[in-house]
């Protein structure tokens, strides 16, 4: 039985395969821009991070904000990974304010 057939017939396997792939991609920092490339960015950048995010550590966004000259970091307390879902109104207000200034 192929992996695709196994994942189609067993949702638990499908979920673990998808999450495993996501985790591998998220933590593959070698494929992202270098600090020098981030420092060279000259476009307005908005980072929104949930303080209680269990998928991507807050330090990742903090490092991005330190290296990107025009970056703005908003950290939402009591919020996990899905900021736009968990705190929709606050997220939209932040984005609209940012776009108005960009």
C-alpha atoms as a PDB file:
ATOM      1  CA  UNK A   1       0.000   0.000   0.000  1.00  0.00           C
ATOM      2  CA  UNK A   2       1.391   3.419  -0.952  1.00  0.00           C
ATOM      3  CA  UNK A   3       1.697   6.320   1.497  1.00  0.00           C
ATOM      4  CA  UNK A   4      -1.050   8.184  -0.370  1.00  0.00           C
ATOM      5  CA  UNK A   5      -3.413   5.194  -0.078  1.00  0.00           C
ATOM      6  CA  UNK A   6      -2.581   4.813   3.621  1.00  0.00           C
ATOM      7  CA  UNK A   7      -3.227   8.487   4.345  1.00  0.00           C
ATOM      8  CA  UNK A   8      -6.482   8.492   2.387  1.00  0.00           C
ATOM      9  CA  UNK A   9      -7.832   5.521   4.330  1.00  0.00           C
ATOM     10  CA  UNK A  10      -6.580   6.637   7.760  1.00  0.00           C
ATOM     11  CA  UNK A  11      -7.084  10.291   8.754  1.00  0.00           C
ATOM     12  CA  UNK A  12      -4.753   9.937  11.764  1.00  0.00           C
ATOM     13  CA  UNK A  13      -1.866   8.911   9.520  1.00  0.00           C
ATOM     14  CA  UNK A  14      -2.722  11.741   7.122  1.00  0.00           C
ATOM     15  CA  UNK A  15      -2.677  14.254   9.966  1.00  0.00           C
ATOM     16  CA  UNK A  16       0.675  13.038  11.309  1.00  0.00           C
ATOM     17  CA  UNK A  17       2.233  13.049   7.831  1.00  0.00           C
ATOM     18  CA  UNK A  18       0.996  16.580   7.155  1.00  0.00           C
ATOM     19  CA  UNK A  19       2.139  17.855  10.547  1.00  0.00           C
ATOM     20  CA  UNK A  20       5.464  16.085  10.189  1.00  0.00           C
ATOM     21  CA  UNK A  21       6.034  17.727   6.805  1.00  0.00           C
ATOM     22  CA  UNK A  22       4.990  21.115   8.198  1.00  0.00           C
ATOM     23  CA  UNK A  23       7.326  20.774  11.169  1.00  0.00           C
ATOM     24  CA  UNK A  24      10.205  19.821   8.903  1.00  0.00           C
ATOM     25  CA  UNK A  25       9.555  22.856   6.704  1.00  0.00           C
ATOM     26  CA  UNK A  26       9.103  25.276   9.592  1.00  0.00           C
ATOM     27  CA  UNK A  27      12.333  24.259  11.283  1.00  0.00           C
ATOM     28  CA  UNK A  28      14.429  24.174   8.097  1.00  0.00           C
ATOM     29  CA  UNK A  29      15.934  27.586   8.769  1.00  0.00           C
ATOM     30  CA  UNK A  30      18.794  26.935   6.363  1.00  0.00           C
ATOM     31  CA  UNK A  31      16.423  27.571   3.449  1.00  0.00           C
ATOM     32  CA  UNK A  32      15.371  31.029   4.647  1.00  0.00           C
ATOM     33  CA  UNK A  33      17.026  34.368   3.985  1.00  0.00           C
ATOM     34  CA  UNK A  34      20.300  35.118   5.736  1.00  0.00           C
ATOM     35  CA  UNK A  35      20.588  37.968   8.269  1.00  0.00           C
ATOM     36  CA  UNK A  36      22.385  40.021   5.601  1.00  0.00           C
ATOM     37  CA  UNK A  37      19.525  39.463   3.143  1.00  0.00           C
ATOM     38  CA  UNK A  38      16.983  40.451   5.805  1.00  0.00           C
ATOM     39  CA  UNK A  39      18.955  43.589   6.636  1.00  0.00           C
ATOM     40  CA  UNK A  40      18.908  44.531   2.949  1.00  0.00           C
ATOM     41  CA  UNK A  41      15.083  44.437   2.785  1.00  0.00           C
ATOM     42  CA  UNK A  42      13.711  47.902   2.187  1.00  0.00           C
ATOM     43  CA  UNK A  43       9.978  47.291   2.205  1.00  0.00           C
ATOM     44  CA  UNK A  44       7.537  47.848   5.067  1.00  0.00           C
ATOM     45  CA  UNK A  45       7.120  44.552   6.920  1.00  0.00           C
ATOM     46  CA  UNK A  46       4.481  43.593   9.478  1.00  0.00           C
ATOM     47  CA  UNK A  47       4.988  40.606  11.753  1.00  0.00           C
ATOM     48  CA  UNK A  48       2.102  39.426  13.942  1.00  0.00           C
ATOM     49  CA  UNK A  49       2.815  36.684  16.448  1.00  0.00           C
ATOM     50  CA  UNK A  50       0.794  35.009  19.179  1.00  0.00           C
ATOM     51  CA  UNK A  51       2.695  34.972  22.468  1.00  0.00           C
ATOM     52  CA  UNK A  52       1.487  31.421  23.177  1.00  0.00           C
ATOM     53  CA  UNK A  53       2.346  30.025  19.707  1.00  0.00           C
ATOM     54  CA  UNK A  54       3.448  26.390  20.111  1.00  0.00           C
ATOM     55  CA  UNK A  55       4.361  25.954  16.415  1.00  0.00           C
ATOM     56  CA  UNK A  56       6.820  28.785  15.785  1.00  0.00           C
ATOM     57  CA  UNK A  57       8.701  30.301  18.713  1.00  0.00           C
ATOM     58  CA  UNK A  58       8.275  34.014  19.374  1.00  0.00           C
ATOM     59  CA  UNK A  59      12.054  34.366  19.131  1.00  0.00           C
ATOM     60  CA  UNK A  60      11.758  33.671  15.369  1.00  0.00           C
ATOM     61  CA  UNK A  61       9.651  36.787  14.821  1.00  0.00           C
ATOM     62  CA  UNK A  62      11.793  38.782  17.217  1.00  0.00           C
ATOM     63  CA  UNK A  63      14.903  37.880  15.216  1.00  0.00           C
ATOM     64  CA  UNK A  64      13.191  38.829  11.963  1.00  0.00           C
ATOM     65  CA  UNK A  65      12.122  42.153  13.460  1.00  0.00           C
ATOM     66  CA  UNK A  66      15.693  42.829  14.609  1.00  0.00           C
ATOM     67  CA  UNK A  67      17.144  42.218  11.148  1.00  0.00           C
ATOM     68  CA  UNK A  68      14.522  43.785   8.856  1.00  0.00           C
ATOM     69  CA  UNK A  69      15.005  47.570   9.103  1.00  0.00           C
ATOM     70  CA  UNK A  70      11.366  48.489   8.449  1.00  0.00           C
ATOM     71  CA  UNK A  71       9.786  45.643  10.426  1.00  0.00           C
ATOM     72  CA  UNK A  72       7.038  46.153  12.941  1.00  0.00           C
ATOM     73  CA  UNK A  73       6.303  43.285  15.355  1.00  0.00           C
ATOM     74  CA  UNK A  74       2.972  42.974  17.133  1.00  0.00           C
ATOM     75  CA  UNK A  75       2.777  40.260  19.800  1.00  0.00           C
ATOM     76  CA  UNK A  76      -0.707  39.295  20.938  1.00  0.00           C
ATOM     77  CA  UNK A  77      -0.879  37.933  24.495  1.00  0.00           C
ATOM     78  CA  UNK A  78      -3.106  34.950  25.163  1.00  0.00           C
ATOM     79  CA  UNK A  79      -2.953  33.937  21.517  1.00  0.00           C
ATOM     80  CA  UNK A  80      -1.500  30.874  19.799  1.00  0.00           C
ATOM     81  CA  UNK A  81      -0.428  30.133  16.241  1.00  0.00           C
ATOM     82  CA  UNK A  82      -3.582  31.164  14.372  1.00  0.00           C
ATOM     83  CA  UNK A  83      -3.638  34.857  15.273  1.00  0.00           C
ATOM     84  CA  UNK A  84      -5.939  35.753  12.381  1.00  0.00           C
ATOM     85  CA  UNK A  85      -8.492  33.206  13.614  1.00  0.00           C
ATOM     86  CA  UNK A  86      -8.063  33.454  17.382  1.00  0.00           C
ATOM     87  CA  UNK A  87      -8.081  37.284  17.463  1.00  0.00           C
ATOM     88  CA  UNK A  88      -9.652  38.222  14.128  1.00  0.00           C
ATOM     89  CA  UNK A  89     -10.756  41.758  15.003  1.00  0.00           C
ATOM     90  CA  UNK A  90      -7.438  42.743  16.576  1.00  0.00           C
ATOM     91  CA  UNK A  91      -5.489  41.146  13.706  1.00  0.00           C
ATOM     92  CA  UNK A  92      -7.536  42.977  11.064  1.00  0.00           C
ATOM     93  CA  UNK A  93      -7.141  46.293  12.917  1.00  0.00           C
ATOM     94  CA  UNK A  94      -3.352  45.821  13.030  1.00  0.00           C
ATOM     95  CA  UNK A  95      -3.168  44.960   9.344  1.00  0.00           C
ATOM     96  CA  UNK A  96      -5.433  47.817   8.274  1.00  0.00           C
ATOM     97  CA  UNK A  97      -3.428  50.285  10.349  1.00  0.00           C
ATOM     98  CA  UNK A  98      -0.191  48.941   8.870  1.00  0.00           C
ATOM     99  CA  UNK A  99      -1.519  49.122   5.299  1.00  0.00           C
ATOM    100  CA  UNK A 100      -2.682  52.675   5.898  1.00  0.00           C
ATOM    101  CA  UNK A 101       0.850  53.660   6.846  1.00  0.00           C
ATOM    102  CA  UNK A 102       2.655  51.614   4.179  1.00  0.00           C
END
